């Protein structure tokens, strides 16, 4: 009986560790998609908000994210991205991240 209880605790700990790991990976994916999307959008900022945000959305989607917000502040592109995270079978949540990119200021 004791061995069974110890085994159950170890399995539960493994499942919890896997769920935390999946959540952290999802957060990193959201950050990566946001950073790369903002950089890509900043390269098109001179063409206007529509071109910059379209390019940012394209790169965010290519990196597993979904663009939820995009705005142009001068030549800075500020975006927010969400990714879908499945830490456990049957449990789905979202991780989000924001990023800003623009020209270097002196």
PDB file of N, CA and C in Angstrom:
ATOM      1  N   UNK A   1       0.824  -1.178   0.000  1.00  0.00           N
ATOM      2  CA  UNK A   1       0.000   0.000   0.000  1.00  0.00           C
ATOM      3  C   UNK A   1       0.879   1.257   0.000  1.00  0.00           C
ATOM      4  N   UNK A   2       1.936   1.241   0.802  1.00  0.00           N
ATOM      5  CA  UNK A   2       2.835   2.388   0.881  1.00  0.00           C
ATOM      6  C   UNK A   2       3.544   2.619  -0.450  1.00  0.00           C
ATOM      7  N   UNK A   3       3.986   1.571  -1.100  1.00  0.00           N
ATOM      8  CA  UNK A   3       4.669   1.685  -2.393  1.00  0.00           C
ATOM      9  C   UNK A   3       3.718   2.265  -3.438  1.00  0.00           C
ATOM     10  N   UNK A   4       2.476   1.882  -3.399  1.00  0.00           N
ATOM     11  CA  UNK A   4       1.482   2.415  -4.328  1.00  0.00           C
ATOM     12  C   UNK A   4       1.267   3.914  -4.101  1.00  0.00           C
ATOM     13  N   UNK A   5       1.212   4.322  -2.840  1.00  0.00           N
ATOM     14  CA  UNK A   5       1.041   5.743  -2.516  1.00  0.00           C
ATOM     15  C   UNK A   5       2.245   6.556  -2.987  1.00  0.00           C
ATOM     16  N   UNK A   6       3.449   6.048  -2.781  1.00  0.00           N
ATOM     17  CA  UNK A   6       4.663   6.741  -3.231  1.00  0.00           C
ATOM     18  C   UNK A   6       4.679   6.841  -4.756  1.00  0.00           C
ATOM     19  N   UNK A   7       4.301   5.781  -5.412  1.00  0.00           N
ATOM     20  CA  UNK A   7       4.240   5.801  -6.876  1.00  0.00           C
ATOM     21  C   UNK A   7       3.236   6.826  -7.386  1.00  0.00           C
ATOM     22  N   UNK A   8       2.091   6.925  -6.735  1.00  0.00           N
ATOM     23  CA  UNK A   8       1.078   7.902  -7.119  1.00  0.00           C
ATOM     24  C   UNK A   8       1.583   9.327  -6.924  1.00  0.00           C
ATOM     25  N   UNK A   9       2.289   9.577  -5.854  1.00  0.00           N
ATOM     26  CA  UNK A   9       2.869  10.909  -5.606  1.00  0.00           C
ATOM     27  C   UNK A   9       3.897  11.244  -6.681  1.00  0.00           C
ATOM     28  N   UNK A  10       4.712  10.287  -7.064  1.00  0.00           N
ATOM     29  CA  UNK A  10       5.715  10.534  -8.101  1.00  0.00           C
ATOM     30  C   UNK A  10       5.067  10.815  -9.461  1.00  0.00           C
ATOM     31  N   UNK A  11       4.020  10.078  -9.789  1.00  0.00           N
ATOM     32  CA  UNK A  11       3.316  10.317 -11.051  1.00  0.00           C
ATOM     33  C   UNK A  11       2.653  11.697 -11.031  1.00  0.00           C
ATOM     34  N   UNK A  12       2.018  12.063  -9.935  1.00  0.00           N
ATOM     35  CA  UNK A  12       1.382  13.380  -9.828  1.00  0.00           C
ATOM     36  C   UNK A  12       2.416  14.492  -9.940  1.00  0.00           C
ATOM     37  N   UNK A  13       3.573  14.293  -9.325  1.00  0.00           N
ATOM     38  CA  UNK A  13       4.649  15.283  -9.444  1.00  0.00           C
ATOM     39  C   UNK A  13       5.145  15.413 -10.872  1.00  0.00           C
ATOM     40  N   UNK A  14       5.236  14.316 -11.572  1.00  0.00           N
ATOM     41  CA  UNK A  14       5.653  14.347 -12.980  1.00  0.00           C
ATOM     42  C   UNK A  14       4.647  15.062 -13.862  1.00  0.00           C
ATOM     43  N   UNK A  15       3.371  14.817 -13.634  1.00  0.00           N
ATOM     44  CA  UNK A  15       2.326  15.481 -14.412  1.00  0.00           C
ATOM     45  C   UNK A  15       2.335  16.981 -14.129  1.00  0.00           C
ATOM     46  N   UNK A  16       2.478  17.360 -12.872  1.00  0.00           N
ATOM     47  CA  UNK A  16       2.528  18.784 -12.522  1.00  0.00           C
ATOM     48  C   UNK A  16       3.753  19.451 -13.143  1.00  0.00           C
ATOM     49  N   UNK A  17       4.885  18.769 -13.117  1.00  0.00           N
ATOM     50  CA  UNK A  17       6.098  19.315 -13.736  1.00  0.00           C
ATOM     51  C   UNK A  17       5.942  19.489 -15.236  1.00  0.00           C
ATOM     52  N   UNK A  18       5.293  18.538 -15.879  1.00  0.00           N
ATOM     53  CA  UNK A  18       5.064  18.644 -17.321  1.00  0.00           C
ATOM     54  C   UNK A  18       4.124  19.796 -17.641  1.00  0.00           C
ATOM     55  N   UNK A  19       3.115  20.021 -16.811  1.00  0.00           N
ATOM     56  CA  UNK A  19       2.178  21.126 -17.035  1.00  0.00           C
ATOM     57  C   UNK A  19       2.878  22.471 -16.884  1.00  0.00           C
ATOM     58  N   UNK A  20       3.711  22.605 -15.863  1.00  0.00           N
ATOM     59  CA  UNK A  20       4.459  23.848 -15.673  1.00  0.00           C
ATOM     60  C   UNK A  20       5.433  24.064 -16.826  1.00  0.00           C
ATOM     61  N   UNK A  21       6.073  23.018 -17.262  1.00  0.00           N
ATOM     62  CA  UNK A  21       6.994  23.126 -18.398  1.00  0.00           C
ATOM     63  C   UNK A  21       6.294  23.558 -19.671  1.00  0.00           C
ATOM     64  N   UNK A  22       5.115  23.003 -19.936  1.00  0.00           N
ATOM     65  CA  UNK A  22       4.349  23.377 -21.127  1.00  0.00           C
ATOM     66  C   UNK A  22       3.917  24.837 -21.059  1.00  0.00           C
ATOM     67  N   UNK A  23       3.534  25.301 -19.876  1.00  0.00           N
ATOM     68  CA  UNK A  23       3.140  26.702 -19.721  1.00  0.00           C
ATOM     69  C   UNK A  23       4.320  27.639 -19.969  1.00  0.00           C
ATOM     70  N   UNK A  24       5.487  27.271 -19.488  1.00  0.00           N
ATOM     71  CA  UNK A  24       6.671  28.111 -19.705  1.00  0.00           C
ATOM     72  C   UNK A  24       7.078  28.133 -21.171  1.00  0.00           C
ATOM     73  N   UNK A  25       6.985  27.003 -21.829  1.00  0.00           N
ATOM     74  CA  UNK A  25       7.300  26.951 -23.262  1.00  0.00           C
ATOM     75  C   UNK A  25       6.319  27.828 -24.044  1.00  0.00           C
ATOM     76  N   UNK A  26       5.052  27.785 -23.685  1.00  0.00           N
ATOM     77  CA  UNK A  26       4.056  28.625 -24.338  1.00  0.00           C
ATOM     78  C   UNK A  26       4.348  30.103 -24.156  1.00  0.00           C
ATOM     79  N   UNK A  27       4.775  30.474 -22.974  1.00  0.00           N
ATOM     80  CA  UNK A  27       5.123  31.881 -22.709  1.00  0.00           C
ATOM     81  C   UNK A  27       6.327  32.300 -23.552  1.00  0.00           C
ATOM     82  N   UNK A  28       7.321  31.428 -23.665  1.00  0.00           N
ATOM     83  CA  UNK A  28       8.491  31.738 -24.493  1.00  0.00           C
ATOM     84  C   UNK A  28       8.112  31.848 -25.972  1.00  0.00           C
ATOM     85  N   UNK A  29       7.205  30.991 -26.428  1.00  0.00           N
ATOM     86  CA  UNK A  29       6.749  31.070 -27.817  1.00  0.00           C
ATOM     87  C   UNK A  29       6.028  32.398 -28.069  1.00  0.00           C
ATOM     88  N   UNK A  30       5.223  32.827 -27.107  1.00  0.00           N
ATOM     89  CA  UNK A  30       4.519  34.104 -27.253  1.00  0.00           C
ATOM     90  C   UNK A  30       5.506  35.258 -27.312  1.00  0.00           C
ATOM     91  N   UNK A  31       6.518  35.235 -26.447  1.00  0.00           N
ATOM     92  CA  UNK A  31       7.538  36.292 -26.473  1.00  0.00           C
ATOM     93  C   UNK A  31       8.285  36.320 -27.795  1.00  0.00           C
ATOM     94  N   UNK A  32       8.656  35.152 -28.285  1.00  0.00           N
ATOM     95  CA  UNK A  32       9.383  35.080 -29.556  1.00  0.00           C
ATOM     96  C   UNK A  32       8.528  35.604 -30.698  1.00  0.00           C
ATOM     97  N   UNK A  33       7.273  35.185 -30.751  1.00  0.00           N
ATOM     98  CA  UNK A  33       6.381  35.652 -31.815  1.00  0.00           C
ATOM     99  C   UNK A  33       6.182  37.163 -31.731  1.00  0.00           C
ATOM    100  N   UNK A  34       6.053  37.697 -30.518  1.00  0.00           N
ATOM    101  CA  UNK A  34       5.865  39.135 -30.352  1.00  0.00           C
ATOM    102  C   UNK A  34       7.123  39.906 -30.763  1.00  0.00           C
ATOM    103  N   UNK A  35       8.275  39.455 -30.325  1.00  0.00           N
ATOM    104  CA  UNK A  35       9.527  40.138 -30.669  1.00  0.00           C
ATOM    105  C   UNK A  35       9.768  40.152 -32.174  1.00  0.00           C
ATOM    106  N   UNK A  36       9.636  39.010 -32.802  1.00  0.00           N
ATOM    107  CA  UNK A  36       9.884  38.937 -34.243  1.00  0.00           C
ATOM    108  C   UNK A  36       8.819  39.686 -35.034  1.00  0.00           C
ATOM    109  N   UNK A  37       7.580  39.639 -34.581  1.00  0.00           N
ATOM    110  CA  UNK A  37       6.520  40.386 -35.246  1.00  0.00           C
ATOM    111  C   UNK A  37       6.736  41.891 -35.154  1.00  0.00           C
ATOM    112  N   UNK A  38       7.156  42.365 -33.976  1.00  0.00           N
ATOM    113  CA  UNK A  38       7.408  43.798 -33.808  1.00  0.00           C
ATOM    114  C   UNK A  38       8.576  44.255 -34.679  1.00  0.00           C
ATOM    115  N   UNK A  39       9.616  43.451 -34.741  1.00  0.00           N
ATOM    116  CA  UNK A  39      10.755  43.811 -35.595  1.00  0.00           C
ATOM    117  C   UNK A  39      10.354  43.862 -37.068  1.00  0.00           C
ATOM    118  N   UNK A  40       9.570  42.894 -37.494  1.00  0.00           N
ATOM    119  CA  UNK A  40       9.130  42.874 -38.892  1.00  0.00           C
ATOM    120  C   UNK A  40       8.207  44.052 -39.181  1.00  0.00           C
ATOM    121  N   UNK A  41       7.337  44.377 -38.245  1.00  0.00           N
ATOM    122  CA  UNK A  41       6.445  45.515 -38.430  1.00  0.00           C
ATOM    123  C   UNK A  41       7.192  46.830 -38.450  1.00  0.00           C
ATOM    124  N   UNK A  42       8.225  46.945 -37.636  1.00  0.00           N
ATOM    125  CA  UNK A  42       9.011  48.181 -37.589  1.00  0.00           C
ATOM    126  C   UNK A  42       9.712  48.450 -38.920  1.00  0.00           C
ATOM    127  N   UNK A  43      10.053  47.388 -39.628  1.00  0.00           N
ATOM    128  CA  UNK A  43      10.685  47.580 -40.935  1.00  0.00           C
ATOM    129  C   UNK A  43       9.710  48.172 -41.949  1.00  0.00           C
ATOM    130  N   UNK A  44       8.407  48.034 -41.700  1.00  0.00           N
ATOM    131  CA  UNK A  44       7.395  48.573 -42.614  1.00  0.00           C
ATOM    132  C   UNK A  44       6.690  49.802 -42.025  1.00  0.00           C
ATOM    133  N   UNK A  45       7.173  50.326 -40.909  1.00  0.00           N
ATOM    134  CA  UNK A  45       6.501  51.442 -40.248  1.00  0.00           C
ATOM    135  C   UNK A  45       6.423  52.672 -41.131  1.00  0.00           C
ATOM    136  N   UNK A  46       7.388  52.889 -41.974  1.00  0.00           N
ATOM    137  CA  UNK A  46       7.400  54.050 -42.864  1.00  0.00           C
ATOM    138  C   UNK A  46       6.247  53.998 -43.869  1.00  0.00           C
ATOM    139  N   UNK A  47       5.742  52.786 -44.146  1.00  0.00           N
ATOM    140  CA  UNK A  47       4.641  52.602 -45.095  1.00  0.00           C
ATOM    141  C   UNK A  47       3.273  52.824 -44.460  1.00  0.00           C
ATOM    142  N   UNK A  48       3.220  52.970 -43.146  1.00  0.00           N
ATOM    143  CA  UNK A  48       1.959  53.216 -42.449  1.00  0.00           C
ATOM    144  C   UNK A  48       1.540  52.067 -41.555  1.00  0.00           C
ATOM    145  N   UNK A  49       0.490  52.329 -40.773  1.00  0.00           N
ATOM    146  CA  UNK A  49       0.028  51.357 -39.786  1.00  0.00           C
ATOM    147  C   UNK A  49      -0.445  50.057 -40.430  1.00  0.00           C
ATOM    148  N   UNK A  50      -1.199  50.165 -41.501  1.00  0.00           N
ATOM    149  CA  UNK A  50      -1.771  48.961 -42.110  1.00  0.00           C
ATOM    150  C   UNK A  50      -0.682  48.014 -42.616  1.00  0.00           C
ATOM    151  N   UNK A  51       0.323  48.537 -43.294  1.00  0.00           N
ATOM    152  CA  UNK A  51       1.408  47.694 -43.807  1.00  0.00           C
ATOM    153  C   UNK A  51       2.244  47.124 -42.665  1.00  0.00           C
ATOM    154  N   UNK A  52       2.521  47.951 -41.649  1.00  0.00           N
ATOM    155  CA  UNK A  52       3.331  47.494 -40.518  1.00  0.00           C
ATOM    156  C   UNK A  52       2.622  46.401 -39.730  1.00  0.00           C
ATOM    157  N   UNK A  53       1.342  46.601 -39.468  1.00  0.00           N
ATOM    158  CA  UNK A  53       0.596  45.614 -38.679  1.00  0.00           C
ATOM    159  C   UNK A  53       0.340  44.333 -39.474  1.00  0.00           C
ATOM    160  N   UNK A  54       0.166  44.453 -40.779  1.00  0.00           N
ATOM    161  CA  UNK A  54      -0.009  43.248 -41.601  1.00  0.00           C
ATOM    162  C   UNK A  54       1.255  42.395 -41.574  1.00  0.00           C
ATOM    163  N   UNK A  55       2.405  43.037 -41.695  1.00  0.00           N
ATOM    164  CA  UNK A  55       3.678  42.285 -41.660  1.00  0.00           C
ATOM    165  C   UNK A  55       3.915  41.689 -40.271  1.00  0.00           C
ATOM    166  N   UNK A  56       3.577  42.444 -39.224  1.00  0.00           N
ATOM    167  CA  UNK A  56       3.733  41.934 -37.856  1.00  0.00           C
ATOM    168  C   UNK A  56       2.838  40.715 -37.633  1.00  0.00           C
ATOM    169  N   UNK A  57       1.605  40.778 -38.132  1.00  0.00           N
ATOM    170  CA  UNK A  57       0.686  39.645 -37.981  1.00  0.00           C
ATOM    171  C   UNK A  57       1.189  38.427 -38.735  1.00  0.00           C
ATOM    172  N   UNK A  58       1.755  38.659 -39.903  1.00  0.00           N
ATOM    173  CA  UNK A  58       2.286  37.555 -40.711  1.00  0.00           C
ATOM    174  C   UNK A  58       3.420  36.826 -39.986  1.00  0.00           C
ATOM    175  N   UNK A  59       4.348  37.595 -39.423  1.00  0.00           N
ATOM    176  CA  UNK A  59       5.475  36.974 -38.713  1.00  0.00           C
ATOM    177  C   UNK A  59       5.048  36.353 -37.395  1.00  0.00           C
ATOM    178  N   UNK A  60       4.100  36.970 -36.703  1.00  0.00           N
ATOM    179  CA  UNK A  60       3.597  36.385 -35.458  1.00  0.00           C
ATOM    180  C   UNK A  60       2.930  35.038 -35.736  1.00  0.00           C
ATOM    181  N   UNK A  61       2.139  34.975 -36.805  1.00  0.00           N
ATOM    182  CA  UNK A  61       1.472  33.711 -37.165  1.00  0.00           C
ATOM    183  C   UNK A  61       2.481  32.653 -37.588  1.00  0.00           C
ATOM    184  N   UNK A  62       3.537  33.063 -38.282  1.00  0.00           N
ATOM    185  CA  UNK A  62       4.567  32.102 -38.702  1.00  0.00           C
ATOM    186  C   UNK A  62       5.299  31.506 -37.511  1.00  0.00           C
ATOM    187  N   UNK A  63       5.253  32.195 -36.367  1.00  0.00           N
ATOM    188  CA  UNK A  63       5.912  31.703 -35.159  1.00  0.00           C
ATOM    189  C   UNK A  63       4.920  31.157 -34.139  1.00  0.00           C
ATOM    190  N   UNK A  64       3.721  30.815 -34.585  1.00  0.00           N
ATOM    191  CA  UNK A  64       2.751  30.152 -33.716  1.00  0.00           C
ATOM    192  C   UNK A  64       1.909  31.076 -32.873  1.00  0.00           C
ATOM    193  N   UNK A  65       1.894  32.366 -33.167  1.00  0.00           N
ATOM    194  CA  UNK A  65       1.114  33.309 -32.381  1.00  0.00           C
ATOM    195  C   UNK A  65      -0.040  33.900 -33.163  1.00  0.00           C
ATOM    196  N   UNK A  66      -0.870  34.632 -32.458  1.00  0.00           N
ATOM    197  CA  UNK A  66      -2.004  35.328 -33.063  1.00  0.00           C
ATOM    198  C   UNK A  66      -1.938  36.775 -32.594  1.00  0.00           C
ATOM    199  N   UNK A  67      -1.866  37.709 -33.524  1.00  0.00           N
ATOM    200  CA  UNK A  67      -1.775  39.130 -33.205  1.00  0.00           C
ATOM    201  C   UNK A  67      -3.105  39.607 -32.632  1.00  0.00           C
ATOM    202  N   UNK A  68      -3.102  40.131 -31.406  1.00  0.00           N
ATOM    203  CA  UNK A  68      -4.329  40.614 -30.779  1.00  0.00           C
ATOM    204  C   UNK A  68      -4.418  42.130 -30.771  1.00  0.00           C
ATOM    205  N   UNK A  69      -3.275  42.807 -30.870  1.00  0.00           N
ATOM    206  CA  UNK A  69      -3.277  44.261 -30.845  1.00  0.00           C
ATOM    207  C   UNK A  69      -2.051  44.770 -31.585  1.00  0.00           C
ATOM    208  N   UNK A  70      -2.232  45.857 -32.327  1.00  0.00           N
ATOM    209  CA  UNK A  70      -1.107  46.454 -33.047  1.00  0.00           C
ATOM    210  C   UNK A  70      -1.358  47.952 -33.163  1.00  0.00           C
ATOM    211  N   UNK A  71      -0.370  48.735 -32.803  1.00  0.00           N
ATOM    212  CA  UNK A  71      -0.482  50.175 -32.983  1.00  0.00           C
ATOM    213  C   UNK A  71       0.863  50.756 -33.371  1.00  0.00           C
ATOM    214  N   UNK A  72       0.810  51.882 -34.012  1.00  0.00           N
ATOM    215  CA  UNK A  72       2.004  52.574 -34.476  1.00  0.00           C
ATOM    216  C   UNK A  72       2.124  53.865 -33.677  1.00  0.00           C
ATOM    217  N   UNK A  73       3.234  54.039 -32.985  1.00  0.00           N
ATOM    218  CA  UNK A  73       3.520  55.250 -32.217  1.00  0.00           C
ATOM    219  C   UNK A  73       4.737  55.912 -32.839  1.00  0.00           C
ATOM    220  N   UNK A  74       4.509  56.858 -33.718  1.00  0.00           N
ATOM    221  CA  UNK A  74       5.612  57.418 -34.495  1.00  0.00           C
ATOM    222  C   UNK A  74       6.090  56.343 -35.453  1.00  0.00           C
ATOM    223  N   UNK A  75       7.347  55.958 -35.316  1.00  0.00           N
ATOM    224  CA  UNK A  75       7.875  54.844 -36.105  1.00  0.00           C
ATOM    225  C   UNK A  75       8.055  53.587 -35.254  1.00  0.00           C
ATOM    226  N   UNK A  76       7.536  53.595 -34.033  1.00  0.00           N
ATOM    227  CA  UNK A  76       7.574  52.411 -33.166  1.00  0.00           C
ATOM    228  C   UNK A  76       6.323  51.576 -33.393  1.00  0.00           C
ATOM    229  N   UNK A  77       6.507  50.280 -33.512  1.00  0.00           N
ATOM    230  CA  UNK A  77       5.389  49.339 -33.624  1.00  0.00           C
ATOM    231  C   UNK A  77       5.246  48.637 -32.278  1.00  0.00           C
ATOM    232  N   UNK A  78       4.051  48.683 -31.721  1.00  0.00           N
ATOM    233  CA  UNK A  78       3.767  48.036 -30.434  1.00  0.00           C
ATOM    234  C   UNK A  78       2.693  46.987 -30.690  1.00  0.00           C
ATOM    235  N   UNK A  79       3.014  45.724 -30.407  1.00  0.00           N
ATOM    236  CA  UNK A  79       2.064  44.635 -30.670  1.00  0.00           C
ATOM    237  C   UNK A  79       1.881  43.764 -29.436  1.00  0.00           C
ATOM    238  N   UNK A  80       0.758  43.061 -29.422  1.00  0.00           N
ATOM    239  CA  UNK A  80       0.488  42.036 -28.421  1.00  0.00           C
ATOM    240  C   UNK A  80       0.126  40.752 -29.170  1.00  0.00           C
ATOM    241  N   UNK A  81       0.658  39.647 -28.676  1.00  0.00           N
ATOM    242  CA  UNK A  81       0.484  38.354 -29.334  1.00  0.00           C
ATOM    243  C   UNK A  81       0.020  37.327 -28.313  1.00  0.00           C
ATOM    244  N   UNK A  82      -0.845  36.424 -28.742  1.00  0.00           N
ATOM    245  CA  UNK A  82      -1.288  35.290 -27.922  1.00  0.00           C
ATOM    246  C   UNK A  82      -0.908  33.987 -28.591  1.00  0.00           C
ATOM    247  N   UNK A  83      -0.562  32.995 -27.784  1.00  0.00           N
ATOM    248  CA  UNK A  83      -0.361  31.638 -28.272  1.00  0.00           C
ATOM    249  C   UNK A  83      -1.242  30.698 -27.460  1.00  0.00           C
ATOM    250  N   UNK A  84      -1.628  29.604 -28.063  1.00  0.00           N
ATOM    251  CA  UNK A  84      -2.443  28.594 -27.382  1.00  0.00           C
ATOM    252  C   UNK A  84      -1.507  27.623 -26.670  1.00  0.00           C
ATOM    253  N   UNK A  85      -1.803  27.359 -25.402  1.00  0.00           N
ATOM    254  CA  UNK A  85      -0.994  26.448 -24.594  1.00  0.00           C
ATOM    255  C   UNK A  85      -1.888  25.320 -24.094  1.00  0.00           C
ATOM    256  N   UNK A  86      -1.421  24.092 -24.227  1.00  0.00           N
ATOM    257  CA  UNK A  86      -2.149  22.932 -23.719  1.00  0.00           C
ATOM    258  C   UNK A  86      -1.268  22.226 -22.691  1.00  0.00           C
ATOM    259  N   UNK A  87      -1.320  22.678 -21.422  1.00  0.00           N
ATOM    260  CA  UNK A  87      -0.451  22.065 -20.409  1.00  0.00           C
ATOM    261  C   UNK A  87      -0.835  20.629 -20.059  1.00  0.00           C
ATOM    262  N   UNK A  88      -2.124  20.333 -20.101  1.00  0.00           N
ATOM    263  CA  UNK A  88      -2.617  18.981 -19.831  1.00  0.00           C
ATOM    264  C   UNK A  88      -3.663  18.634 -20.882  1.00  0.00           C
ATOM    265  N   UNK A  89      -3.809  17.366 -21.218  1.00  0.00           N
ATOM    266  CA  UNK A  89      -4.852  16.986 -22.181  1.00  0.00           C
ATOM    267  C   UNK A  89      -6.224  17.454 -21.698  1.00  0.00           C
ATOM    268  N   UNK A  90      -6.943  18.138 -22.574  1.00  0.00           N
ATOM    269  CA  UNK A  90      -8.257  18.645 -22.217  1.00  0.00           C
ATOM    270  C   UNK A  90      -8.255  20.026 -21.595  1.00  0.00           C
ATOM    271  N   UNK A  91      -7.094  20.574 -21.315  1.00  0.00           N
ATOM    272  CA  UNK A  91      -6.977  21.904 -20.709  1.00  0.00           C
ATOM    273  C   UNK A  91      -6.231  22.808 -21.678  1.00  0.00           C
ATOM    274  N   UNK A  92      -6.913  23.846 -22.147  1.00  0.00           N
ATOM    275  CA  UNK A  92      -6.300  24.780 -23.081  1.00  0.00           C
ATOM    276  C   UNK A  92      -6.365  26.176 -22.498  1.00  0.00           C
ATOM    277  N   UNK A  93      -5.258  26.897 -22.582  1.00  0.00           N
ATOM    278  CA  UNK A  93      -5.184  28.266 -22.095  1.00  0.00           C
ATOM    279  C   UNK A  93      -4.361  29.087 -23.075  1.00  0.00           C
ATOM    280  N   UNK A  94      -4.201  30.341 -22.799  1.00  0.00           N
ATOM    281  CA  UNK A  94      -3.469  31.228 -23.692  1.00  0.00           C
ATOM    282  C   UNK A  94      -2.323  31.902 -22.944  1.00  0.00           C
ATOM    283  N   UNK A  95      -1.217  32.079 -23.641  1.00  0.00           N
ATOM    284  CA  UNK A  95      -0.089  32.858 -23.122  1.00  0.00           C
ATOM    285  C   UNK A  95       0.028  34.097 -23.994  1.00  0.00           C
ATOM    286  N   UNK A  96       0.287  35.228 -23.382  1.00  0.00           N
ATOM    287  CA  UNK A  96       0.378  36.454 -24.163  1.00  0.00           C
ATOM    288  C   UNK A  96       1.673  37.188 -23.858  1.00  0.00           C
ATOM    289  N   UNK A  97       2.087  38.005 -24.816  1.00  0.00           N
ATOM    290  CA  UNK A  97       3.288  38.810 -24.651  1.00  0.00           C
ATOM    291  C   UNK A  97       3.149  40.054 -25.513  1.00  0.00           C
ATOM    292  N   UNK A  98       3.855  41.101 -25.128  1.00  0.00           N
ATOM    293  CA  UNK A  98       3.852  42.347 -25.887  1.00  0.00           C
ATOM    294  C   UNK A  98       5.280  42.701 -26.251  1.00  0.00           C
ATOM    295  N   UNK A  99       5.437  43.432 -27.349  1.00  0.00           N
ATOM    296  CA  UNK A  99       6.766  43.850 -27.778  1.00  0.00           C
ATOM    297  C   UNK A  99       6.666  45.190 -28.497  1.00  0.00           C
ATOM    298  N   UNK A 100       7.751  45.919 -28.447  1.00  0.00           N
ATOM    299  CA  UNK A 100       7.870  47.208 -29.119  1.00  0.00           C
ATOM    300  C   UNK A 100       9.169  47.214 -29.899  1.00  0.00           C
ATOM    301  N   UNK A 101       9.122  47.741 -31.113  1.00  0.00           N
ATOM    302  CA  UNK A 101      10.341  47.853 -31.934  1.00  0.00           C
ATOM    303  C   UNK A 101      10.244  49.135 -32.754  1.00  0.00           C
ATOM    304  N   UNK A 102      11.386  49.723 -32.977  1.00  0.00           N
ATOM    305  CA  UNK A 102      11.444  50.950 -33.766  1.00  0.00           C
ATOM    306  C   UNK A 102      12.878  51.366 -33.987  1.00  0.00           C
ATOM    307  N   UNK A 103      13.071  52.553 -34.527  1.00  0.00           N
ATOM    308  CA  UNK A 103      14.430  53.011 -34.811  1.00  0.00           C
ATOM    309  C   UNK A 103      15.216  53.322 -33.540  1.00  0.00           C
ATOM    310  N   UNK A 104      16.516  53.287 -33.679  1.00  0.00           N
ATOM    311  CA  UNK A 104      17.404  53.601 -32.547  1.00  0.00           C
ATOM    312  C   UNK A 104      17.384  55.102 -32.316  1.00  0.00           C
ATOM    313  N   UNK A 105      17.307  55.476 -31.051  1.00  0.00           N
ATOM    314  CA  UNK A 105      17.322  56.891 -30.680  1.00  0.00           C
ATOM    315  C   UNK A 105      18.665  57.233 -30.070  1.00  0.00           C
ATOM    316  N   UNK A 106      19.155  58.382 -30.394  1.00  0.00           N
ATOM    317  CA  UNK A 106      20.474  58.806 -29.901  1.00  0.00           C
ATOM    318  C   UNK A 106      20.466  59.486 -28.584  1.00  0.00           C
TER     319      UNK A 106
END
